N, C-alpha and C. Protein backbone atom coordinates (compact mmCIF):
# COMPACT_ATOMS: atom_id res chain seq x y z
N UNK A 1 60.62 80.41 96.23
CA UNK A 1 62.04 80.37 96.00
C UNK A 1 62.50 78.91 95.84
N UNK A 2 63.40 78.70 94.91
CA UNK A 2 63.88 77.35 94.62
C UNK A 2 64.76 76.84 95.75
N UNK A 3 64.58 75.56 96.08
CA UNK A 3 65.43 74.92 97.08
C UNK A 3 66.66 74.33 96.42
N UNK A 4 66.58 74.09 95.11
CA UNK A 4 67.69 73.44 94.41
C UNK A 4 67.87 73.97 93.01
N UNK A 5 68.79 73.33 92.30
CA UNK A 5 69.12 73.73 90.94
C UNK A 5 69.43 72.50 90.11
N UNK A 6 69.39 72.67 88.80
CA UNK A 6 69.72 71.61 87.86
C UNK A 6 70.81 72.12 86.94
N UNK A 7 71.82 71.30 86.72
CA UNK A 7 72.89 71.63 85.79
C UNK A 7 72.89 70.60 84.67
N UNK A 8 72.85 71.07 83.41
CA UNK A 8 72.72 70.19 82.25
C UNK A 8 73.92 70.35 81.34
N UNK A 9 74.54 69.23 80.99
CA UNK A 9 75.60 69.20 79.97
C UNK A 9 74.95 68.70 78.69
N UNK A 10 74.37 69.62 77.92
CA UNK A 10 73.55 69.27 76.77
C UNK A 10 74.28 68.44 75.73
N UNK A 11 75.56 68.64 75.57
CA UNK A 11 76.31 67.89 74.56
C UNK A 11 76.52 66.43 74.93
N UNK A 12 76.39 66.08 76.20
CA UNK A 12 76.53 64.69 76.63
C UNK A 12 75.22 63.93 76.54
N UNK A 13 74.12 64.64 76.42
CA UNK A 13 72.78 64.06 76.45
C UNK A 13 72.46 63.27 75.18
N UNK A 14 71.79 62.12 75.36
CA UNK A 14 71.32 61.32 74.24
C UNK A 14 69.79 61.31 74.13
N UNK A 15 69.14 62.19 74.87
CA UNK A 15 67.70 62.39 74.73
C UNK A 15 66.83 61.25 75.20
N UNK A 16 67.26 60.47 76.17
CA UNK A 16 66.47 59.33 76.64
C UNK A 16 65.20 59.76 77.36
N UNK A 17 65.23 60.92 78.02
CA UNK A 17 64.05 61.43 78.71
C UNK A 17 63.86 60.91 80.13
N UNK A 18 64.79 60.12 80.66
CA UNK A 18 64.65 59.60 82.02
C UNK A 18 64.58 60.74 83.04
N UNK A 19 65.38 61.77 82.85
CA UNK A 19 65.38 62.90 83.79
C UNK A 19 64.01 63.57 83.83
N UNK A 20 63.40 63.73 82.68
CA UNK A 20 62.07 64.35 82.59
C UNK A 20 61.03 63.46 83.25
N UNK A 21 61.10 62.18 82.97
CA UNK A 21 60.12 61.22 83.49
C UNK A 21 60.17 61.09 85.01
N UNK A 22 61.36 61.09 85.59
CA UNK A 22 61.50 60.83 87.02
C UNK A 22 61.57 62.09 87.89
N UNK A 23 61.51 63.27 87.30
CA UNK A 23 61.52 64.50 88.09
C UNK A 23 60.19 64.63 88.84
N UNK A 24 60.22 64.58 90.18
CA UNK A 24 58.97 64.63 90.94
C UNK A 24 58.26 65.98 90.90
N UNK A 25 58.98 67.05 90.62
CA UNK A 25 58.36 68.38 90.61
C UNK A 25 58.14 68.91 89.20
N UNK A 26 58.40 68.11 88.18
CA UNK A 26 58.17 68.46 86.76
C UNK A 26 58.89 69.75 86.36
N UNK A 27 60.17 69.82 86.70
CA UNK A 27 61.00 70.98 86.39
C UNK A 27 61.52 70.92 84.96
N UNK A 28 61.64 69.72 84.39
CA UNK A 28 62.29 69.52 83.10
C UNK A 28 61.32 69.10 81.99
N UNK A 29 61.66 69.50 80.77
CA UNK A 29 61.01 69.00 79.55
C UNK A 29 62.13 68.81 78.52
N UNK A 30 61.87 67.97 77.53
CA UNK A 30 62.84 67.83 76.45
C UNK A 30 62.74 69.04 75.54
N UNK A 31 63.87 69.58 75.19
CA UNK A 31 63.94 70.78 74.35
C UNK A 31 63.55 70.45 72.91
N UNK A 32 63.09 71.44 72.20
CA UNK A 32 62.82 71.25 70.77
C UNK A 32 64.09 71.46 69.95
N UNK A 33 65.13 72.02 70.59
CA UNK A 33 66.42 72.23 69.92
C UNK A 33 67.24 70.95 69.95
N UNK A 34 68.18 70.84 69.04
CA UNK A 34 69.07 69.69 68.97
C UNK A 34 70.44 70.04 69.52
N UNK A 35 71.13 69.04 70.08
CA UNK A 35 72.54 69.24 70.42
C UNK A 35 73.36 68.85 69.19
N UNK A 36 74.69 68.88 69.27
CA UNK A 36 75.52 68.64 68.09
C UNK A 36 75.45 67.21 67.56
N UNK A 37 74.94 66.28 68.38
CA UNK A 37 74.81 64.89 67.92
C UNK A 37 73.40 64.55 67.47
N UNK A 38 72.51 65.54 67.48
CA UNK A 38 71.16 65.35 66.95
C UNK A 38 70.11 64.91 67.95
N UNK A 39 70.39 65.02 69.24
CA UNK A 39 69.42 64.63 70.26
C UNK A 39 68.80 65.88 70.89
N UNK A 40 67.63 65.68 71.49
CA UNK A 40 66.94 66.75 72.19
C UNK A 40 67.30 66.69 73.68
N UNK A 41 68.14 67.58 74.18
CA UNK A 41 68.48 67.57 75.61
C UNK A 41 67.35 68.17 76.43
N UNK A 42 67.35 67.93 77.75
CA UNK A 42 66.32 68.53 78.60
C UNK A 42 66.53 70.04 78.75
N UNK A 43 65.47 70.67 79.16
CA UNK A 43 65.46 72.12 79.35
C UNK A 43 64.69 72.40 80.64
N UNK A 44 65.17 73.30 81.46
CA UNK A 44 64.50 73.67 82.71
C UNK A 44 63.38 74.65 82.40
N UNK A 45 62.16 74.29 82.81
CA UNK A 45 61.01 75.17 82.55
C UNK A 45 60.43 75.78 83.83
N UNK A 46 60.73 75.20 84.96
CA UNK A 46 60.18 75.70 86.22
C UNK A 46 61.24 75.63 87.31
N UNK A 47 62.30 76.42 87.16
CA UNK A 47 63.44 76.38 88.09
C UNK A 47 63.01 76.64 89.53
N UNK A 48 62.01 77.45 89.74
CA UNK A 48 61.56 77.79 91.09
C UNK A 48 60.95 76.60 91.83
N UNK A 49 60.57 75.55 91.11
CA UNK A 49 59.98 74.36 91.73
C UNK A 49 61.01 73.28 92.06
N UNK A 50 62.26 73.46 91.66
CA UNK A 50 63.29 72.44 91.87
C UNK A 50 63.56 72.22 93.36
N UNK A 51 63.52 70.96 93.77
CA UNK A 51 63.79 70.62 95.17
C UNK A 51 65.24 70.22 95.41
N UNK A 52 66.01 70.02 94.33
CA UNK A 52 67.40 69.62 94.47
C UNK A 52 67.58 68.17 94.84
N UNK A 53 66.62 67.34 94.54
CA UNK A 53 66.65 65.93 94.94
C UNK A 53 67.68 65.10 94.18
N UNK A 54 68.10 65.53 92.99
CA UNK A 54 69.07 64.86 92.12
C UNK A 54 68.58 63.54 91.55
N UNK A 55 67.28 63.31 91.50
CA UNK A 55 66.78 62.11 90.83
C UNK A 55 67.12 62.16 89.34
N UNK A 56 67.14 63.34 88.77
CA UNK A 56 67.51 63.47 87.36
C UNK A 56 68.92 62.94 87.12
N UNK A 57 69.84 63.28 88.00
CA UNK A 57 71.21 62.82 87.89
C UNK A 57 71.38 61.34 88.17
N UNK A 58 70.60 60.83 89.10
CA UNK A 58 70.70 59.41 89.45
C UNK A 58 70.23 58.50 88.32
N UNK A 59 69.24 58.95 87.56
CA UNK A 59 68.70 58.13 86.48
C UNK A 59 69.38 58.36 85.13
N UNK A 60 70.20 59.40 85.01
CA UNK A 60 70.83 59.71 83.73
C UNK A 60 71.94 58.70 83.41
N UNK A 61 71.82 57.92 82.33
CA UNK A 61 72.84 56.94 81.99
C UNK A 61 74.10 57.57 81.40
N UNK A 62 74.04 58.83 81.02
CA UNK A 62 75.17 59.50 80.36
C UNK A 62 75.85 60.54 81.23
N UNK A 63 75.43 60.68 82.48
CA UNK A 63 75.99 61.66 83.41
C UNK A 63 75.95 63.06 82.80
N UNK A 64 74.83 63.38 82.17
CA UNK A 64 74.67 64.66 81.48
C UNK A 64 73.91 65.69 82.31
N UNK A 65 73.44 65.30 83.48
CA UNK A 65 72.62 66.21 84.28
C UNK A 65 72.81 65.87 85.76
N UNK A 66 72.71 66.88 86.59
CA UNK A 66 72.68 66.64 88.04
C UNK A 66 71.93 67.77 88.71
N UNK A 67 71.42 67.47 89.87
CA UNK A 67 70.73 68.46 90.66
C UNK A 67 71.43 68.62 92.00
N UNK A 68 71.22 69.74 92.64
CA UNK A 68 71.81 69.99 93.94
C UNK A 68 70.96 70.96 94.72
N UNK A 69 71.23 71.03 96.02
CA UNK A 69 70.47 71.92 96.89
C UNK A 69 71.31 73.14 97.24
N UNK A 70 70.64 74.27 97.34
CA UNK A 70 71.31 75.49 97.78
C UNK A 70 71.58 75.40 99.29
N UNK A 71 72.69 75.97 99.72
CA UNK A 71 73.01 76.02 101.16
C UNK A 71 72.07 77.01 101.83
N UNK A 72 71.69 76.69 103.02
CA UNK A 72 70.76 77.58 103.75
C UNK A 72 71.50 78.46 104.69
């Protein structure tokens, strides 16, 4: 069961890939689809592995993604 979640604002993303690179549990990959500005936003591929650490949000220069933990 996932401890956390990731929320992505795909239209704000510029496809830098920092979120994918710094995710310790490898929850994210860059999508093959484009957003309206022509960039590849991240896509969640393993939601059950998310720890909710929010490293993706901390490294995102465009504030296009954040992670959080579920309440216990």
